[in-house]
């Protein structure tokens, strides 16, 4: 059974959230950064960690563990921020996605990718491109354009547009 949109071998960056392995199409990834200090933005959802300065641009950072309903984890030397392009409609947004650790870049043939599971109406799987088969385990392939709702993405864009103000950075250092 094939997955629509995946007709040729595709490279994915794999990463850990807890014990689970997730992957993002490498074409959506701009870079991977070591974890750095964040400027927290008030009145944002719990999964919104804050913003970082990426070569003069303000980039919102989200904790994918919290977004997916997983328990929060302690930051380690392996914690990283994956900078990705998210596109909804005509709007492109750069966000940072925090991960426990990056594993590897792997290539999957279309035959190694199954559609997301269909388990009734209670389970949301629209943010998954599919399930990649690697040896004897599965890798959850994320559709980064569908992980966030349009209202969440709008909030992230606002945080990026307004989060880099001088006053916030000064307040963050004083706290």
N, C-alpha and C. Protein backbone atom coordinates (compact mmCIF):
# COMPACT_ATOMS: atom_id res chain seq x y z
N UNK A 1 0.85 -1.18 0.00
CA UNK A 1 0.00 0.00 0.00
C UNK A 1 0.89 1.24 0.00
N UNK A 2 0.73 2.12 -0.95
CA UNK A 2 1.62 3.27 -1.05
C UNK A 2 1.00 4.51 -0.41
N UNK A 3 1.88 5.49 -0.18
CA UNK A 3 1.46 6.75 0.42
C UNK A 3 1.44 7.81 -0.68
N UNK A 4 0.34 8.55 -0.83
CA UNK A 4 0.30 9.59 -1.87
C UNK A 4 1.42 10.61 -1.66
N UNK A 5 2.02 11.04 -2.76
CA UNK A 5 3.06 12.05 -2.69
C UNK A 5 4.46 11.50 -2.50
N UNK A 6 4.58 10.22 -2.19
CA UNK A 6 5.92 9.62 -2.04
C UNK A 6 6.05 8.54 -3.10
N UNK A 7 6.67 8.91 -4.22
CA UNK A 7 6.78 7.99 -5.35
C UNK A 7 8.22 7.65 -5.70
N UNK A 8 9.16 8.34 -5.05
CA UNK A 8 10.58 8.08 -5.28
C UNK A 8 11.26 7.92 -3.92
N UNK A 9 12.45 7.30 -3.89
CA UNK A 9 13.16 7.23 -2.61
C UNK A 9 13.33 8.64 -2.02
N UNK A 10 13.07 8.77 -0.73
CA UNK A 10 13.10 10.07 -0.06
C UNK A 10 13.98 10.00 1.18
N UNK A 11 14.77 11.06 1.40
CA UNK A 11 15.62 11.11 2.59
C UNK A 11 14.87 11.82 3.72
N UNK A 12 15.04 11.28 4.92
CA UNK A 12 14.41 11.81 6.11
C UNK A 12 15.45 11.97 7.20
N UNK A 13 15.31 13.04 7.98
CA UNK A 13 16.11 13.21 9.19
C UNK A 13 15.32 12.57 10.33
N UNK A 14 15.94 11.61 11.01
CA UNK A 14 15.25 10.96 12.13
C UNK A 14 15.73 11.56 13.44
N UNK A 15 14.81 11.59 14.40
CA UNK A 15 15.12 12.14 15.72
C UNK A 15 14.26 11.46 16.77
N UNK A 16 14.70 11.57 18.02
CA UNK A 16 14.01 10.95 19.14
C UNK A 16 13.18 11.95 19.91
N UNK A 17 11.99 11.52 20.28
CA UNK A 17 11.16 12.17 21.28
C UNK A 17 10.80 11.05 22.25
N UNK A 18 11.44 11.05 23.40
CA UNK A 18 11.28 9.91 24.30
C UNK A 18 11.88 8.69 23.64
N UNK A 19 11.14 7.57 23.69
CA UNK A 19 11.63 6.33 23.07
C UNK A 19 11.21 6.19 21.61
N UNK A 20 10.37 7.12 21.15
CA UNK A 20 9.86 7.03 19.78
C UNK A 20 10.80 7.72 18.80
N UNK A 21 10.83 7.20 17.57
CA UNK A 21 11.64 7.79 16.51
C UNK A 21 10.69 8.44 15.51
N UNK A 22 10.93 9.71 15.23
CA UNK A 22 10.16 10.48 14.27
C UNK A 22 11.09 10.87 13.13
N UNK A 23 10.50 11.30 12.01
CA UNK A 23 11.32 11.73 10.88
C UNK A 23 10.63 12.85 10.13
N UNK A 24 11.45 13.72 9.54
CA UNK A 24 10.98 14.83 8.72
C UNK A 24 11.71 14.76 7.39
N UNK A 25 10.97 14.96 6.30
CA UNK A 25 11.57 15.00 4.97
C UNK A 25 12.71 16.02 4.99
N UNK A 26 13.86 15.60 4.54
CA UNK A 26 15.07 16.43 4.60
C UNK A 26 14.90 17.74 3.81
N UNK A 27 14.03 17.74 2.81
CA UNK A 27 13.83 18.96 2.03
C UNK A 27 13.14 20.07 2.83
N UNK A 28 12.52 19.73 3.96
CA UNK A 28 11.85 20.72 4.82
C UNK A 28 12.78 21.31 5.88
N UNK A 29 13.98 20.73 6.01
CA UNK A 29 14.89 21.11 7.08
C UNK A 29 15.93 22.11 6.58
N UNK A 30 16.07 23.20 7.34
CA UNK A 30 17.07 24.21 7.00
C UNK A 30 18.40 23.89 7.68
N UNK A 31 18.34 23.51 8.97
CA UNK A 31 19.55 23.15 9.72
C UNK A 31 19.17 22.57 11.07
N UNK A 32 20.16 22.03 11.76
CA UNK A 32 19.99 21.50 13.11
C UNK A 32 20.97 22.26 14.01
N UNK A 33 20.44 22.79 15.11
CA UNK A 33 21.25 23.58 16.03
C UNK A 33 21.37 22.90 17.39
N UNK A 34 22.48 23.16 18.07
CA UNK A 34 22.57 22.75 19.46
C UNK A 34 21.55 23.56 20.24
N UNK A 35 21.07 23.01 21.35
CA UNK A 35 20.11 23.75 22.16
C UNK A 35 20.77 25.03 22.67
N UNK A 36 20.05 26.12 22.63
CA UNK A 36 20.54 27.41 23.06
C UNK A 36 19.50 28.06 23.95
N UNK A 37 19.86 29.13 24.61
CA UNK A 37 18.90 29.79 25.49
C UNK A 37 17.77 30.40 24.67
N UNK A 38 16.60 30.41 25.26
CA UNK A 38 15.40 30.90 24.61
C UNK A 38 14.87 32.12 25.34
N UNK A 39 14.22 33.00 24.62
CA UNK A 39 13.50 34.10 25.23
C UNK A 39 12.03 33.68 25.28
N UNK A 40 11.49 33.53 26.48
CA UNK A 40 10.11 33.08 26.66
C UNK A 40 9.16 34.20 26.28
N UNK A 41 8.09 33.86 25.59
CA UNK A 41 7.07 34.82 25.20
C UNK A 41 5.84 34.58 26.09
N UNK A 42 5.37 35.62 26.80
CA UNK A 42 4.19 35.44 27.65
C UNK A 42 2.94 35.12 26.82
N UNK A 43 1.98 34.48 27.49
CA UNK A 43 0.66 34.18 26.91
C UNK A 43 0.72 33.33 25.66
N UNK A 44 1.60 32.36 25.66
CA UNK A 44 1.66 31.41 24.55
C UNK A 44 1.36 30.02 25.09
N UNK A 45 0.94 29.10 24.23
CA UNK A 45 0.66 27.74 24.69
C UNK A 45 1.89 27.09 25.31
N UNK A 46 1.66 26.06 26.11
CA UNK A 46 2.75 25.40 26.81
C UNK A 46 3.81 24.85 25.86
N UNK A 47 3.38 24.37 24.68
CA UNK A 47 4.35 23.78 23.74
C UNK A 47 5.25 24.83 23.09
N UNK A 48 4.90 26.11 23.22
CA UNK A 48 5.73 27.20 22.68
C UNK A 48 6.81 27.53 23.70
N UNK A 49 8.04 27.15 23.41
CA UNK A 49 9.16 27.32 24.35
C UNK A 49 9.65 28.76 24.42
N UNK A 50 9.61 29.46 23.30
CA UNK A 50 10.14 30.81 23.22
C UNK A 50 10.66 31.07 21.83
N UNK A 51 11.57 32.03 21.73
CA UNK A 51 12.17 32.37 20.44
C UNK A 51 13.69 32.39 20.57
N UNK A 52 14.35 32.19 19.43
CA UNK A 52 15.80 32.30 19.37
C UNK A 52 16.17 33.31 18.29
N UNK A 53 17.38 33.80 18.37
CA UNK A 53 17.92 34.68 17.36
C UNK A 53 18.75 33.81 16.41
N UNK A 54 18.28 33.69 15.19
CA UNK A 54 18.99 32.89 14.19
C UNK A 54 19.52 33.83 13.11
N UNK A 55 20.78 34.23 13.28
CA UNK A 55 21.44 35.14 12.34
C UNK A 55 20.58 36.38 12.07
N UNK A 56 20.08 36.99 13.14
CA UNK A 56 19.33 38.23 13.04
C UNK A 56 17.83 38.05 12.85
N UNK A 57 17.36 36.83 12.66
CA UNK A 57 15.92 36.58 12.52
C UNK A 57 15.39 35.96 13.80
N UNK A 58 14.18 36.34 14.16
CA UNK A 58 13.53 35.78 15.34
C UNK A 58 12.78 34.53 14.90
N UNK A 59 13.12 33.38 15.51
CA UNK A 59 12.52 32.10 15.14
C UNK A 59 11.82 31.51 16.36
N UNK A 60 10.50 31.25 16.26
CA UNK A 60 9.79 30.61 17.36
C UNK A 60 10.23 29.15 17.49
N UNK A 61 10.33 28.67 18.75
CA UNK A 61 10.74 27.30 19.01
C UNK A 61 9.62 26.59 19.77
N UNK A 62 9.27 25.39 19.29
CA UNK A 62 8.23 24.60 19.93
C UNK A 62 8.83 23.30 20.47
N UNK A 63 8.24 22.80 21.55
CA UNK A 63 8.62 21.51 22.11
C UNK A 63 7.67 20.48 21.53
N UNK A 64 8.17 19.67 20.60
CA UNK A 64 7.30 18.67 19.96
C UNK A 64 6.76 17.65 20.95
N UNK A 65 7.51 17.36 22.01
CA UNK A 65 7.00 16.42 23.02
C UNK A 65 5.69 16.94 23.60
N UNK A 66 5.68 18.22 23.98
CA UNK A 66 4.47 18.80 24.56
C UNK A 66 3.36 18.92 23.51
N UNK A 67 3.71 19.27 22.29
CA UNK A 67 2.71 19.38 21.21
C UNK A 67 2.01 18.05 20.99
N UNK A 68 2.76 16.95 21.12
CA UNK A 68 2.19 15.63 20.89
C UNK A 68 1.64 14.97 22.16
N UNK A 69 1.55 15.75 23.25
CA UNK A 69 0.96 15.21 24.47
C UNK A 69 1.89 14.28 25.25
N UNK A 70 3.16 14.36 24.99
CA UNK A 70 4.14 13.54 25.70
C UNK A 70 4.63 14.33 26.92
N UNK A 71 5.19 13.64 27.91
CA UNK A 71 5.71 14.38 29.08
C UNK A 71 6.94 15.22 28.70
N UNK A 72 7.07 16.34 29.39
CA UNK A 72 8.22 17.21 29.19
C UNK A 72 9.48 16.49 29.67
N UNK A 73 10.60 16.73 29.00
CA UNK A 73 11.84 16.08 29.43
C UNK A 73 12.86 17.13 29.83
N UNK A 74 13.85 16.68 30.54
CA UNK A 74 14.95 17.56 30.92
C UNK A 74 15.85 17.77 29.71
N UNK A 75 16.42 18.95 29.60
CA UNK A 75 17.37 19.22 28.53
C UNK A 75 18.67 18.46 28.81
N UNK A 76 19.25 17.89 27.77
CA UNK A 76 20.52 17.17 27.89
C UNK A 76 21.50 17.72 26.87
N UNK A 77 22.68 17.18 26.85
CA UNK A 77 23.69 17.58 25.88
C UNK A 77 23.23 17.23 24.46
N UNK A 78 22.31 16.27 24.31
CA UNK A 78 21.81 15.86 23.00
C UNK A 78 20.60 16.64 22.52
N UNK A 79 19.97 17.42 23.41
CA UNK A 79 18.79 18.20 23.01
C UNK A 79 19.19 19.17 21.90
N UNK A 80 18.36 19.24 20.86
CA UNK A 80 18.68 20.09 19.72
C UNK A 80 17.42 20.77 19.20
N UNK A 81 17.63 21.74 18.33
CA UNK A 81 16.54 22.46 17.69
C UNK A 81 16.66 22.24 16.19
N UNK A 82 15.63 21.66 15.60
CA UNK A 82 15.60 21.41 14.16
C UNK A 82 14.85 22.58 13.52
N UNK A 83 15.52 23.31 12.66
CA UNK A 83 14.92 24.47 11.99
C UNK A 83 14.24 23.96 10.72
N UNK A 84 12.91 24.18 10.65
CA UNK A 84 12.14 23.65 9.53
C UNK A 84 11.28 24.74 8.88
N UNK A 85 10.97 24.51 7.61
CA UNK A 85 10.02 25.35 6.88
C UNK A 85 8.65 24.71 6.99
N UNK A 86 7.67 25.50 7.39
CA UNK A 86 6.29 25.05 7.46
C UNK A 86 5.50 25.89 6.48
N UNK A 87 4.74 25.24 5.62
CA UNK A 87 3.96 25.97 4.61
C UNK A 87 2.49 25.62 4.76
N UNK A 88 1.67 26.65 4.92
CA UNK A 88 0.21 26.48 4.91
C UNK A 88 -0.34 27.52 3.95
N UNK A 89 -0.99 27.03 2.91
CA UNK A 89 -1.49 27.94 1.87
C UNK A 89 -0.32 28.60 1.18
N UNK A 90 -0.34 29.92 1.14
CA UNK A 90 0.74 30.69 0.50
C UNK A 90 1.74 31.20 1.51
N UNK A 91 1.58 30.83 2.79
CA UNK A 91 2.41 31.40 3.85
C UNK A 91 3.47 30.39 4.30
N UNK A 92 4.73 30.80 4.26
CA UNK A 92 5.84 29.98 4.75
C UNK A 92 6.32 30.55 6.08
N UNK A 93 6.54 29.67 7.04
CA UNK A 93 7.01 30.07 8.36
C UNK A 93 8.20 29.20 8.73
N UNK A 94 9.23 29.83 9.28
CA UNK A 94 10.38 29.09 9.78
C UNK A 94 10.17 28.91 11.28
N UNK A 95 10.24 27.67 11.75
CA UNK A 95 10.11 27.41 13.18
C UNK A 95 11.23 26.47 13.62
N UNK A 96 11.50 26.50 14.90
CA UNK A 96 12.43 25.56 15.50
C UNK A 96 11.64 24.50 16.23
N UNK A 97 11.97 23.26 16.01
CA UNK A 97 11.30 22.14 16.68
C UNK A 97 12.32 21.46 17.59
N UNK A 98 12.05 21.48 18.88
CA UNK A 98 12.98 20.90 19.84
C UNK A 98 12.81 19.38 19.85
N UNK A 99 13.94 18.68 19.83
CA UNK A 99 13.96 17.22 19.85
C UNK A 99 14.94 16.75 20.91
N UNK A 100 14.72 15.55 21.45
CA UNK A 100 15.61 15.00 22.46
C UNK A 100 17.00 14.74 21.89
N UNK A 101 17.03 14.25 20.65
CA UNK A 101 18.31 14.01 19.97
C UNK A 101 18.04 13.72 18.50
N UNK A 102 19.03 13.99 17.66
CA UNK A 102 18.95 13.65 16.24
C UNK A 102 19.63 12.30 16.08
N UNK A 103 19.02 11.45 15.27
CA UNK A 103 19.55 10.11 15.09
C UNK A 103 20.41 10.02 13.82
N UNK A 104 19.77 10.15 12.65
CA UNK A 104 20.49 9.98 11.39
C UNK A 104 19.64 10.47 10.22
N UNK A 105 20.26 10.57 9.06
CA UNK A 105 19.54 10.76 7.82
C UNK A 105 19.40 9.39 7.19
N UNK A 106 18.17 9.03 6.84
CA UNK A 106 17.94 7.72 6.21
C UNK A 106 17.11 7.90 4.96
N UNK A 107 17.29 6.98 4.04
CA UNK A 107 16.52 7.01 2.81
C UNK A 107 15.51 5.88 2.84
N UNK A 108 14.27 6.21 2.50
CA UNK A 108 13.22 5.19 2.44
C UNK A 108 12.67 5.13 1.02
N UNK A 109 12.51 3.92 0.52
CA UNK A 109 11.85 3.71 -0.76
C UNK A 109 10.35 3.77 -0.52
N UNK A 110 9.55 4.10 -1.54
CA UNK A 110 8.09 4.15 -1.36
C UNK A 110 7.52 2.85 -0.77
N UNK A 111 8.12 1.72 -1.10
CA UNK A 111 7.64 0.43 -0.58
C UNK A 111 7.91 0.24 0.91
N UNK A 112 8.76 1.08 1.49
CA UNK A 112 9.06 0.99 2.92
C UNK A 112 8.17 1.93 3.75
N UNK A 113 7.22 2.58 3.10
CA UNK A 113 6.36 3.55 3.78
C UNK A 113 4.91 3.11 3.70
N UNK A 114 4.30 2.97 4.86
CA UNK A 114 2.89 2.61 4.95
C UNK A 114 2.07 3.85 5.28
N UNK A 115 0.79 3.89 4.91
CA UNK A 115 -0.06 5.02 5.29
C UNK A 115 -0.21 5.08 6.82
N UNK A 116 -0.56 6.25 7.36
CA UNK A 116 -0.79 6.34 8.80
C UNK A 116 -1.90 5.38 9.22
N UNK A 117 -1.85 4.90 10.46
CA UNK A 117 -2.89 3.97 10.90
C UNK A 117 -4.25 4.64 10.97
N UNK A 118 -5.29 3.88 10.70
CA UNK A 118 -6.67 4.37 10.82
C UNK A 118 -7.29 3.66 12.02
N UNK A 119 -7.42 4.41 13.11
CA UNK A 119 -7.95 3.82 14.34
C UNK A 119 -9.15 4.64 14.78
N UNK A 120 -10.25 4.46 14.10
CA UNK A 120 -11.47 5.16 14.47
C UNK A 120 -11.35 6.66 14.26
N UNK A 121 -12.31 7.39 14.82
CA UNK A 121 -12.35 8.84 14.64
C UNK A 121 -11.67 9.59 15.77
N UNK A 122 -11.30 8.90 16.85
CA UNK A 122 -10.72 9.57 18.00
C UNK A 122 -9.25 9.88 17.88
N UNK A 123 -8.56 9.26 16.95
CA UNK A 123 -7.12 9.45 16.83
C UNK A 123 -6.79 10.31 15.62
N UNK A 124 -6.10 11.42 15.85
CA UNK A 124 -5.68 12.30 14.77
C UNK A 124 -4.39 11.77 14.15
N UNK A 125 -4.40 11.54 12.87
CA UNK A 125 -3.19 11.11 12.18
C UNK A 125 -2.89 12.00 10.97
N UNK A 126 -3.65 13.09 10.82
CA UNK A 126 -3.47 13.94 9.64
C UNK A 126 -2.11 14.61 9.59
N UNK A 127 -1.40 14.68 10.72
CA UNK A 127 -0.07 15.30 10.75
C UNK A 127 1.03 14.30 10.39
N UNK A 128 0.63 13.07 10.09
CA UNK A 128 1.60 12.03 9.72
C UNK A 128 1.56 11.78 8.22
N UNK A 129 2.73 11.74 7.59
CA UNK A 129 2.80 11.37 6.17
C UNK A 129 2.67 9.87 6.03
N UNK A 130 3.16 9.17 7.05
CA UNK A 130 3.12 7.72 6.99
C UNK A 130 3.98 7.11 8.07
N UNK A 131 4.14 5.80 7.97
CA UNK A 131 4.97 5.03 8.90
C UNK A 131 6.09 4.38 8.09
N UNK A 132 7.32 4.79 8.37
CA UNK A 132 8.46 4.22 7.67
C UNK A 132 8.92 2.94 8.35
N UNK A 133 9.17 1.91 7.56
CA UNK A 133 9.64 0.64 8.10
C UNK A 133 11.16 0.61 8.02
N UNK A 134 11.79 0.49 9.19
CA UNK A 134 13.25 0.43 9.25
C UNK A 134 13.61 -0.79 10.10
N UNK A 135 14.19 -1.78 9.48
CA UNK A 135 14.51 -3.04 10.16
C UNK A 135 13.25 -3.60 10.79
N UNK A 136 13.25 -3.73 12.12
CA UNK A 136 12.09 -4.35 12.78
C UNK A 136 11.24 -3.34 13.54
N UNK A 137 11.39 -2.04 13.24
CA UNK A 137 10.58 -1.05 13.93
C UNK A 137 10.08 0.02 12.96
N UNK A 138 9.12 0.83 13.45
CA UNK A 138 8.55 1.88 12.63
C UNK A 138 9.10 3.24 13.02
N UNK A 139 9.14 4.13 12.04
CA UNK A 139 9.51 5.52 12.23
C UNK A 139 8.29 6.34 11.82
N UNK A 140 7.87 7.28 12.67
CA UNK A 140 6.71 8.11 12.39
C UNK A 140 7.16 9.27 11.50
N UNK A 141 6.64 9.30 10.27
CA UNK A 141 7.01 10.33 9.31
C UNK A 141 6.05 11.51 9.44
N UNK A 142 6.56 12.65 9.87
CA UNK A 142 5.71 13.81 10.11
C UNK A 142 5.49 14.62 8.84
N UNK A 143 4.28 15.15 8.71
CA UNK A 143 3.97 16.13 7.68
C UNK A 143 4.02 17.48 8.39
N UNK A 144 5.16 18.15 8.32
CA UNK A 144 5.37 19.36 9.10
C UNK A 144 4.38 20.47 8.75
N UNK A 145 3.80 20.42 7.57
CA UNK A 145 2.82 21.43 7.19
C UNK A 145 1.48 21.22 7.88
N UNK A 146 1.30 20.06 8.52
CA UNK A 146 0.02 19.76 9.16
C UNK A 146 0.13 19.51 10.66
N UNK A 147 1.32 19.64 11.23
CA UNK A 147 1.49 19.43 12.67
C UNK A 147 0.76 20.52 13.46
N UNK A 148 0.76 21.74 12.93
CA UNK A 148 0.14 22.86 13.62
C UNK A 148 -1.12 23.30 12.89
N UNK A 149 -2.14 23.68 13.65
CA UNK A 149 -3.35 24.23 13.04
C UNK A 149 -3.02 25.61 12.50
N UNK A 150 -3.89 26.15 11.68
CA UNK A 150 -3.64 27.48 11.13
C UNK A 150 -3.60 28.54 12.23
N UNK A 151 -4.42 28.38 13.28
CA UNK A 151 -4.39 29.36 14.38
C UNK A 151 -3.09 29.24 15.18
N UNK A 152 -2.60 28.01 15.38
CA UNK A 152 -1.32 27.83 16.08
C UNK A 152 -0.18 28.41 15.26
N UNK A 153 -0.21 28.19 13.96
CA UNK A 153 0.83 28.71 13.09
C UNK A 153 0.80 30.24 13.06
N UNK A 154 -0.39 30.81 13.07
CA UNK A 154 -0.52 32.26 13.12
C UNK A 154 0.09 32.81 14.41
N UNK A 155 -0.15 32.11 15.53
CA UNK A 155 0.41 32.51 16.81
C UNK A 155 1.93 32.41 16.78
N UNK A 156 2.48 31.37 16.15
CA UNK A 156 3.92 31.23 16.05
C UNK A 156 4.52 32.33 15.17
N UNK A 157 3.81 32.67 14.09
CA UNK A 157 4.28 33.76 13.23
C UNK A 157 4.30 35.07 14.01
N UNK A 158 3.25 35.32 14.81
CA UNK A 158 3.19 36.53 15.61
C UNK A 158 4.33 36.57 16.63
N UNK A 159 4.60 35.42 17.24
CA UNK A 159 5.70 35.36 18.22
C UNK A 159 7.02 35.67 17.54
N UNK A 160 7.21 35.16 16.34
CA UNK A 160 8.44 35.43 15.61
C UNK A 160 8.54 36.88 15.17
N UNK A 161 7.39 37.48 14.79
CA UNK A 161 7.38 38.85 14.32
C UNK A 161 7.56 39.85 15.47
N UNK A 162 6.98 39.52 16.63
CA UNK A 162 6.99 40.47 17.74
C UNK A 162 7.87 40.03 18.90
N UNK A 163 8.39 38.83 18.83
CA UNK A 163 9.13 38.30 19.97
C UNK A 163 10.56 38.77 20.08
N UNK A 164 11.06 39.40 19.07
CA UNK A 164 12.45 39.80 19.11
C UNK A 164 12.67 41.22 19.55
N UNK A 165 11.63 41.82 20.13
CA UNK A 165 11.77 43.21 20.56
C UNK A 165 12.83 43.37 21.62
N UNK A 166 13.48 44.54 21.63
CA UNK A 166 14.56 44.80 22.57
C UNK A 166 14.10 44.68 24.01
N UNK A 167 12.89 45.16 24.28
CA UNK A 167 12.38 45.13 25.64
C UNK A 167 12.28 43.70 26.18
N UNK A 168 11.83 42.77 25.35
CA UNK A 168 11.73 41.39 25.81
C UNK A 168 13.09 40.80 26.11
N UNK A 169 14.05 41.06 25.25
CA UNK A 169 15.39 40.51 25.47
C UNK A 169 15.99 41.08 26.75
N UNK A 170 15.78 42.36 27.01
CA UNK A 170 16.30 42.95 28.23
C UNK A 170 15.62 42.39 29.46
N UNK A 171 14.29 42.20 29.37
CA UNK A 171 13.55 41.62 30.49
C UNK A 171 14.00 40.20 30.78
N UNK A 172 14.28 39.45 29.70
CA UNK A 172 14.72 38.06 29.86
C UNK A 172 16.05 37.99 30.60
N UNK A 173 16.96 38.91 30.28
CA UNK A 173 18.26 38.91 30.93
C UNK A 173 18.15 39.33 32.39
N UNK A 174 17.20 40.21 32.68
CA UNK A 174 17.04 40.72 34.05
C UNK A 174 16.39 39.69 34.95
N UNK A 175 15.62 38.78 34.37
CA UNK A 175 14.87 37.81 35.18
C UNK A 175 15.75 36.76 35.80
